[in-house]
Each structure stands twice: as structure tokens, then as C-alpha cells.
Amino acid sequence: QVQMVESGGGLVQAGGSLRLSCVASGRTVSTYGTGWFRQASGKEREFVAARSYVGLSTRYGDSVKGRFTISRDNVKNAVYLQMNSLKPEDTAVYYCAAAKFLGGASPFEADYEYWGQGTQVTVSA
């Protein structure tokens, strides 16, 4: 069983930056494909970023390309989402997710086995 715990959310002005962290317990993230998703109030959850469990393959949602970066620290067993040039429309609850041996940096929720509890990001205009 893998437990994912996010942190780093908060309130930031438009144009600012935040870094979300997701620490995995129970297993090592080096054998898990990982992703970030978000859900704004009243909307469906959407794909943000993903990283394959092997190699450097990453994928980003169109709305965050060039502004967000997903990374991983195997020593700390953590996954990060660096968010720059934030916009009010980035306001949402952000979730990290993982699945063992998931390659291809999958953008599909159904491919992920484990989910964190979410962390709120609010971007003010």
C-alpha cells in the first residue's frame, strides 16, 4: 500500500510561484509512474502533469505547458510540481497520484492506483 501526502498549497497572487510536494510512504517512487491532477470548484478533475516511472518522459496538460514542471526525488521519495506564472484559472485542489511501473507519463486518471488527499491552491487576480 502506498500513501501519498501532498503539501505546499496556499494563496498566491497572479504571476507568482508555488511548489507542491507529494511524499510517498510504503514504497519507493522510483518504481511508480506519478502524476498531478487538479479539480476546480464545480468542474471535473483534469490532468496537469505526469512522469513515467522510468527515464525522463513527462507530459503536461495544454493549459500548464511551459509554466509547470514535474520532478521526482528518489532519495526523499517525493514528487514535486513547480508552478510558475500562476493564473487565477489555476485555482483548484491539486492531487498527486501514483501507479506501480506506469510508463508513458499517462494523463488518464484510471491508470493511477494511489491518490493523495489534495492540497488547495488559490491564485488571486
N, C-alpha and C. Protein backbone atom coordinates (compact mmCIF):
# COMPACT_ATOMS: atom_id res chain seq x y z
N GLN A 1 0.84 -1.18 0.00
CA GLN A 1 0.00 0.00 0.00
C GLN A 1 0.89 1.25 0.00
N VAL A 2 0.52 2.22 -0.79
CA VAL A 2 1.26 3.48 -0.88
C VAL A 2 0.37 4.59 -0.38
N GLN A 3 0.91 5.41 0.49
CA GLN A 3 0.19 6.61 0.93
C GLN A 3 0.88 7.83 0.36
N MET A 4 0.08 8.69 -0.23
CA MET A 4 0.59 9.90 -0.84
C MET A 4 0.09 11.09 -0.04
N VAL A 5 1.01 11.96 0.36
CA VAL A 5 0.64 13.13 1.16
C VAL A 5 1.16 14.38 0.49
N GLU A 6 0.24 15.25 0.06
CA GLU A 6 0.62 16.50 -0.60
C GLU A 6 0.80 17.61 0.42
N SER A 7 1.59 18.59 0.02
CA SER A 7 1.75 19.81 0.80
C SER A 7 2.22 20.91 -0.14
N GLY A 8 2.21 22.14 0.36
CA GLY A 8 2.74 23.25 -0.42
C GLY A 8 1.71 24.16 -1.04
N GLY A 9 0.44 23.79 -0.91
CA GLY A 9 -0.59 24.67 -1.45
C GLY A 9 -0.73 25.94 -0.62
N GLY A 10 -1.51 26.86 -1.15
CA GLY A 10 -1.72 28.11 -0.43
C GLY A 10 -2.29 29.17 -1.33
N LEU A 11 -2.21 30.41 -0.86
CA LEU A 11 -2.72 31.57 -1.58
C LEU A 11 -1.55 32.33 -2.17
N VAL A 12 -1.65 32.65 -3.46
CA VAL A 12 -0.58 33.37 -4.13
C VAL A 12 -1.21 34.34 -5.13
N GLN A 13 -0.52 35.43 -5.40
CA GLN A 13 -1.01 36.39 -6.39
C GLN A 13 -0.70 35.90 -7.79
N ALA A 14 -1.50 36.35 -8.74
CA ALA A 14 -1.25 36.01 -10.14
C ALA A 14 0.17 36.42 -10.52
N GLY A 15 0.81 35.53 -11.28
CA GLY A 15 2.20 35.76 -11.66
C GLY A 15 3.21 35.15 -10.71
N GLY A 16 2.74 34.71 -9.56
CA GLY A 16 3.63 34.12 -8.56
C GLY A 16 3.89 32.65 -8.80
N SER A 17 4.60 32.04 -7.85
CA SER A 17 5.00 30.64 -7.97
C SER A 17 4.70 29.88 -6.68
N LEU A 18 4.48 28.60 -6.84
CA LEU A 18 4.35 27.68 -5.72
C LEU A 18 5.00 26.36 -6.12
N ARG A 19 5.48 25.64 -5.13
CA ARG A 19 5.95 24.28 -5.39
C ARG A 19 5.18 23.31 -4.50
N LEU A 20 4.48 22.42 -5.14
CA LEU A 20 3.76 21.37 -4.42
C LEU A 20 4.66 20.16 -4.23
N SER A 21 4.53 19.54 -3.08
CA SER A 21 5.30 18.33 -2.79
C SER A 21 4.34 17.19 -2.51
N CYS A 22 4.78 16.00 -2.84
CA CYS A 22 3.98 14.81 -2.57
C CYS A 22 4.95 13.73 -2.11
N VAL A 23 4.84 13.35 -0.85
CA VAL A 23 5.73 12.35 -0.30
C VAL A 23 4.99 11.01 -0.25
N ALA A 24 5.65 9.99 -0.76
CA ALA A 24 5.06 8.65 -0.79
C ALA A 24 5.65 7.79 0.32
N SER A 25 4.79 7.11 1.02
CA SER A 25 5.27 6.20 2.06
C SER A 25 4.87 4.78 1.69
N GLY A 26 5.67 3.85 2.13
CA GLY A 26 5.33 2.46 1.89
C GLY A 26 6.04 1.85 0.70
N ARG A 27 6.36 2.64 -0.28
CA ARG A 27 7.08 2.15 -1.46
C ARG A 27 7.98 3.27 -1.97
N THR A 28 8.87 2.92 -2.85
CA THR A 28 9.74 3.93 -3.43
C THR A 28 9.15 4.46 -4.73
N VAL A 29 9.19 5.78 -4.87
CA VAL A 29 8.60 6.39 -6.07
C VAL A 29 9.35 6.04 -7.34
N SER A 30 10.58 5.53 -7.21
CA SER A 30 11.36 5.24 -8.40
C SER A 30 10.73 4.12 -9.24
N THR A 31 9.86 3.33 -8.64
CA THR A 31 9.20 2.26 -9.39
C THR A 31 7.75 2.61 -9.73
N TYR A 32 7.37 3.86 -9.53
CA TYR A 32 5.99 4.29 -9.76
C TYR A 32 5.94 5.43 -10.76
N GLY A 33 5.04 5.31 -11.72
CA GLY A 33 4.70 6.47 -12.53
C GLY A 33 3.87 7.41 -11.68
N THR A 34 4.09 8.71 -11.83
CA THR A 34 3.41 9.67 -10.97
C THR A 34 2.76 10.77 -11.79
N GLY A 35 1.72 11.34 -11.23
CA GLY A 35 1.02 12.40 -11.93
C GLY A 35 0.42 13.41 -10.97
N TRP A 36 0.06 14.53 -11.52
CA TRP A 36 -0.68 15.57 -10.80
C TRP A 36 -1.95 15.88 -11.56
N PHE A 37 -3.03 15.99 -10.82
CA PHE A 37 -4.32 16.36 -11.37
C PHE A 37 -4.88 17.49 -10.53
N ARG A 38 -5.88 18.17 -11.05
CA ARG A 38 -6.50 19.24 -10.26
C ARG A 38 -7.99 19.28 -10.52
N GLN A 39 -8.70 19.81 -9.53
CA GLN A 39 -10.15 19.94 -9.66
C GLN A 39 -10.58 21.28 -9.12
N ALA A 40 -11.08 22.11 -10.00
CA ALA A 40 -11.62 23.39 -9.61
C ALA A 40 -13.06 23.21 -9.14
N SER A 41 -13.53 24.15 -8.34
CA SER A 41 -14.88 24.07 -7.80
C SER A 41 -15.91 24.00 -8.93
N GLY A 42 -16.77 22.99 -8.87
CA GLY A 42 -17.82 22.85 -9.87
C GLY A 42 -17.38 22.26 -11.19
N LYS A 43 -16.12 21.82 -11.26
CA LYS A 43 -15.61 21.26 -12.51
C LYS A 43 -15.09 19.85 -12.29
N GLU A 44 -14.90 19.14 -13.40
CA GLU A 44 -14.33 17.80 -13.31
C GLU A 44 -12.82 17.89 -13.07
N ARG A 45 -12.29 16.81 -12.52
CA ARG A 45 -10.85 16.75 -12.30
C ARG A 45 -10.15 16.68 -13.66
N GLU A 46 -9.02 17.40 -13.78
CA GLU A 46 -8.31 17.43 -15.05
C GLU A 46 -6.84 17.11 -14.84
N PHE A 47 -6.25 16.61 -15.90
CA PHE A 47 -4.84 16.26 -15.90
C PHE A 47 -3.97 17.50 -15.91
N VAL A 48 -2.88 17.47 -15.12
CA VAL A 48 -1.94 18.58 -15.07
C VAL A 48 -0.58 18.16 -15.61
N ALA A 49 0.01 17.10 -15.02
CA ALA A 49 1.35 16.69 -15.41
C ALA A 49 1.57 15.24 -14.99
N ALA A 50 2.48 14.58 -15.69
CA ALA A 50 2.80 13.20 -15.35
C ALA A 50 4.25 12.89 -15.70
N ARG A 51 4.78 11.90 -15.00
CA ARG A 51 6.15 11.47 -15.23
C ARG A 51 6.17 9.94 -15.24
N SER A 52 6.83 9.40 -16.25
CA SER A 52 6.96 7.95 -16.33
C SER A 52 7.82 7.43 -15.18
N TYR A 53 7.60 6.19 -14.79
CA TYR A 53 8.39 5.62 -13.69
C TYR A 53 9.84 5.41 -14.10
N VAL A 54 10.11 5.31 -15.38
CA VAL A 54 11.47 5.07 -15.86
C VAL A 54 11.82 6.12 -16.89
N GLY A 55 13.08 6.51 -16.92
CA GLY A 55 13.51 7.52 -17.87
C GLY A 55 13.05 8.90 -17.48
N LEU A 56 13.01 9.78 -18.45
CA LEU A 56 12.69 11.19 -18.18
C LEU A 56 11.42 11.64 -18.89
N SER A 57 10.60 10.69 -19.30
CA SER A 57 9.40 11.04 -20.04
C SER A 57 8.41 11.80 -19.17
N THR A 58 7.97 12.95 -19.66
CA THR A 58 6.97 13.75 -18.96
C THR A 58 5.89 14.19 -19.95
N ARG A 59 4.77 14.60 -19.40
CA ARG A 59 3.65 15.08 -20.22
C ARG A 59 2.91 16.14 -19.42
N TYR A 60 2.40 17.15 -20.12
CA TYR A 60 1.71 18.25 -19.45
C TYR A 60 0.38 18.55 -20.12
N GLY A 61 -0.56 19.01 -19.32
CA GLY A 61 -1.80 19.49 -19.88
C GLY A 61 -1.55 20.78 -20.65
N ASP A 62 -2.36 21.02 -21.66
CA ASP A 62 -2.14 22.18 -22.53
C ASP A 62 -2.15 23.49 -21.77
N SER A 63 -2.96 23.58 -20.74
CA SER A 63 -3.12 24.85 -20.04
C SER A 63 -1.93 25.18 -19.13
N VAL A 64 -1.05 24.21 -18.89
CA VAL A 64 0.07 24.46 -17.98
C VAL A 64 1.43 24.31 -18.66
N LYS A 65 1.45 23.92 -19.91
CA LYS A 65 2.72 23.74 -20.62
C LYS A 65 3.55 25.01 -20.59
N GLY A 66 4.83 24.83 -20.28
CA GLY A 66 5.74 25.96 -20.24
C GLY A 66 5.73 26.71 -18.92
N ARG A 67 4.76 26.39 -18.04
CA ARG A 67 4.68 27.08 -16.74
C ARG A 67 4.91 26.12 -15.57
N PHE A 68 4.49 24.88 -15.71
CA PHE A 68 4.60 23.89 -14.64
C PHE A 68 5.66 22.86 -14.99
N THR A 69 6.32 22.33 -13.95
CA THR A 69 7.32 21.29 -14.15
C THR A 69 7.15 20.21 -13.09
N ILE A 70 7.07 18.96 -13.54
CA ILE A 70 7.01 17.83 -12.61
C ILE A 70 8.40 17.24 -12.46
N SER A 71 8.75 16.88 -11.23
CA SER A 71 10.05 16.29 -10.98
C SER A 71 9.94 15.28 -9.84
N ARG A 72 11.02 14.56 -9.65
CA ARG A 72 10.98 13.49 -8.64
C ARG A 72 12.32 13.43 -7.92
N ASP A 73 12.29 13.15 -6.64
CA ASP A 73 13.50 12.95 -5.85
C ASP A 73 13.41 11.56 -5.23
N ASN A 74 14.19 10.63 -5.78
CA ASN A 74 14.10 9.25 -5.30
C ASN A 74 14.63 9.10 -3.87
N VAL A 75 15.58 9.92 -3.51
CA VAL A 75 16.14 9.84 -2.15
C VAL A 75 15.08 10.24 -1.13
N LYS A 76 14.36 11.30 -1.42
CA LYS A 76 13.32 11.78 -0.50
C LYS A 76 11.98 11.09 -0.74
N ASN A 77 11.94 10.24 -1.74
CA ASN A 77 10.70 9.54 -2.07
C ASN A 77 9.55 10.52 -2.32
N ALA A 78 9.85 11.54 -3.08
CA ALA A 78 8.89 12.63 -3.26
C ALA A 78 8.75 13.01 -4.73
N VAL A 79 7.60 13.55 -5.03
CA VAL A 79 7.30 14.10 -6.35
C VAL A 79 6.92 15.56 -6.16
N TYR A 80 7.35 16.40 -7.10
CA TYR A 80 7.11 17.83 -6.97
C TYR A 80 6.39 18.37 -8.20
N LEU A 81 5.69 19.46 -7.99
CA LEU A 81 5.10 20.21 -9.10
C LEU A 81 5.47 21.67 -8.89
N GLN A 82 6.41 22.14 -9.69
CA GLN A 82 6.79 23.54 -9.65
C GLN A 82 5.84 24.32 -10.55
N MET A 83 5.17 25.30 -9.98
CA MET A 83 4.18 26.07 -10.72
C MET A 83 4.62 27.53 -10.78
N ASN A 84 4.89 28.02 -11.98
CA ASN A 84 5.30 29.39 -12.19
C ASN A 84 4.26 30.15 -13.00
N SER A 85 4.34 31.46 -12.97
CA SER A 85 3.43 32.31 -13.74
C SER A 85 1.98 31.90 -13.50
N LEU A 86 1.63 31.76 -12.25
CA LEU A 86 0.29 31.27 -11.90
C LEU A 86 -0.79 32.27 -12.32
N LYS A 87 -1.93 31.70 -12.70
CA LYS A 87 -3.07 32.48 -13.14
C LYS A 87 -4.27 32.16 -12.25
N PRO A 88 -5.23 33.05 -12.17
CA PRO A 88 -6.43 32.76 -11.36
C PRO A 88 -7.12 31.46 -11.77
N GLU A 89 -7.05 31.13 -13.04
CA GLU A 89 -7.68 29.89 -13.51
C GLU A 89 -6.94 28.63 -13.08
N ASP A 90 -5.78 28.79 -12.44
CA ASP A 90 -5.07 27.63 -11.88
C ASP A 90 -5.62 27.28 -10.50
N THR A 91 -6.52 28.09 -9.98
CA THR A 91 -7.11 27.82 -8.67
C THR A 91 -7.85 26.49 -8.68
N ALA A 92 -7.47 25.61 -7.75
CA ALA A 92 -8.07 24.27 -7.71
C ALA A 92 -7.48 23.51 -6.53
N VAL A 93 -8.05 22.36 -6.27
CA VAL A 93 -7.43 21.39 -5.38
C VAL A 93 -6.55 20.50 -6.24
N TYR A 94 -5.29 20.38 -5.85
CA TYR A 94 -4.32 19.61 -6.61
C TYR A 94 -4.07 18.27 -5.92
N TYR A 95 -4.08 17.20 -6.73
CA TYR A 95 -3.89 15.85 -6.24
C TYR A 95 -2.68 15.21 -6.91
N CYS A 96 -1.88 14.50 -6.11
CA CYS A 96 -0.85 13.68 -6.72
C CYS A 96 -1.35 12.24 -6.78
N ALA A 97 -0.81 11.50 -7.72
CA ALA A 97 -1.24 10.12 -7.93
C ALA A 97 -0.06 9.28 -8.36
N ALA A 98 -0.17 7.96 -8.15
CA ALA A 98 0.93 7.07 -8.49
C ALA A 98 0.40 5.70 -8.89
N ALA A 99 1.18 5.01 -9.70
CA ALA A 99 0.85 3.63 -10.08
C ALA A 99 2.14 2.90 -10.36
N LYS A 100 2.24 1.68 -9.87
CA LYS A 100 3.48 0.92 -10.00
C LYS A 100 3.77 0.59 -11.46
N PHE A 101 5.02 0.86 -11.84
CA PHE A 101 5.51 0.56 -13.18
C PHE A 101 4.69 1.21 -14.29
N LEU A 102 4.08 2.34 -14.01
CA LEU A 102 3.30 3.03 -15.03
C LEU A 102 4.22 3.85 -15.91
N GLY A 103 4.31 3.50 -17.18
CA GLY A 103 5.16 4.23 -18.11
C GLY A 103 4.33 5.16 -18.96
N GLY A 104 5.02 5.89 -19.82
CA GLY A 104 4.33 6.72 -20.79
C GLY A 104 3.78 8.02 -20.26
N ALA A 105 4.03 8.34 -18.98
CA ALA A 105 3.53 9.61 -18.42
C ALA A 105 2.04 9.75 -18.71
N SER A 106 1.27 8.82 -18.19
CA SER A 106 -0.14 8.75 -18.51
C SER A 106 -0.95 9.93 -18.01
N PRO A 107 -1.81 10.49 -18.87
CA PRO A 107 -2.71 11.57 -18.47
C PRO A 107 -4.07 11.08 -17.99
N PHE A 108 -4.25 9.76 -17.87
CA PHE A 108 -5.56 9.18 -17.57
C PHE A 108 -5.70 8.80 -16.11
N GLU A 109 -6.73 9.33 -15.46
CA GLU A 109 -6.95 9.05 -14.05
C GLU A 109 -7.05 7.56 -13.75
N ALA A 110 -7.70 6.83 -14.65
CA ALA A 110 -7.95 5.41 -14.41
C ALA A 110 -6.67 4.58 -14.32
N ASP A 111 -5.57 5.13 -14.82
CA ASP A 111 -4.30 4.39 -14.78
C ASP A 111 -3.63 4.45 -13.42
N TYR A 112 -4.09 5.32 -12.54
CA TYR A 112 -3.42 5.53 -11.26
C TYR A 112 -4.12 4.78 -10.13
N GLU A 113 -3.28 4.18 -9.28
CA GLU A 113 -3.81 3.35 -8.19
C GLU A 113 -3.93 4.11 -6.88
N TYR A 114 -3.01 5.01 -6.64
CA TYR A 114 -2.94 5.67 -5.34
C TYR A 114 -3.06 7.18 -5.50
N TRP A 115 -3.79 7.78 -4.58
CA TRP A 115 -4.07 9.22 -4.65
C TRP A 115 -3.85 9.86 -3.29
N GLY A 116 -3.37 11.10 -3.34
CA GLY A 116 -3.27 11.89 -2.14
C GLY A 116 -4.60 12.52 -1.80
N GLN A 117 -4.61 13.25 -0.69
CA GLN A 117 -5.86 13.85 -0.20
C GLN A 117 -6.14 15.20 -0.83
N GLY A 118 -5.16 15.76 -1.50
CA GLY A 118 -5.33 17.04 -2.17
C GLY A 118 -4.83 18.21 -1.36
N THR A 119 -4.38 19.23 -2.06
CA THR A 119 -3.95 20.48 -1.43
C THR A 119 -4.51 21.65 -2.23
N GLN A 120 -5.04 22.63 -1.53
CA GLN A 120 -5.71 23.76 -2.18
C GLN A 120 -4.68 24.79 -2.67
N VAL A 121 -4.84 25.19 -3.91
CA VAL A 121 -4.07 26.29 -4.48
C VAL A 121 -5.06 27.37 -4.91
N THR A 122 -4.86 28.57 -4.41
CA THR A 122 -5.72 29.69 -4.75
C THR A 122 -4.86 30.82 -5.30
N VAL A 123 -5.19 31.27 -6.51
CA VAL A 123 -4.44 32.33 -7.16
C VAL A 123 -5.35 33.55 -7.28
N SER A 124 -4.94 34.63 -6.66
CA SER A 124 -5.75 35.85 -6.68
C SER A 124 -5.33 36.74 -7.85
N ALA A 125 -6.30 37.46 -8.36
CA ALA A 125 -6.03 38.33 -9.52
C ALA A 125 -5.28 39.58 -9.11
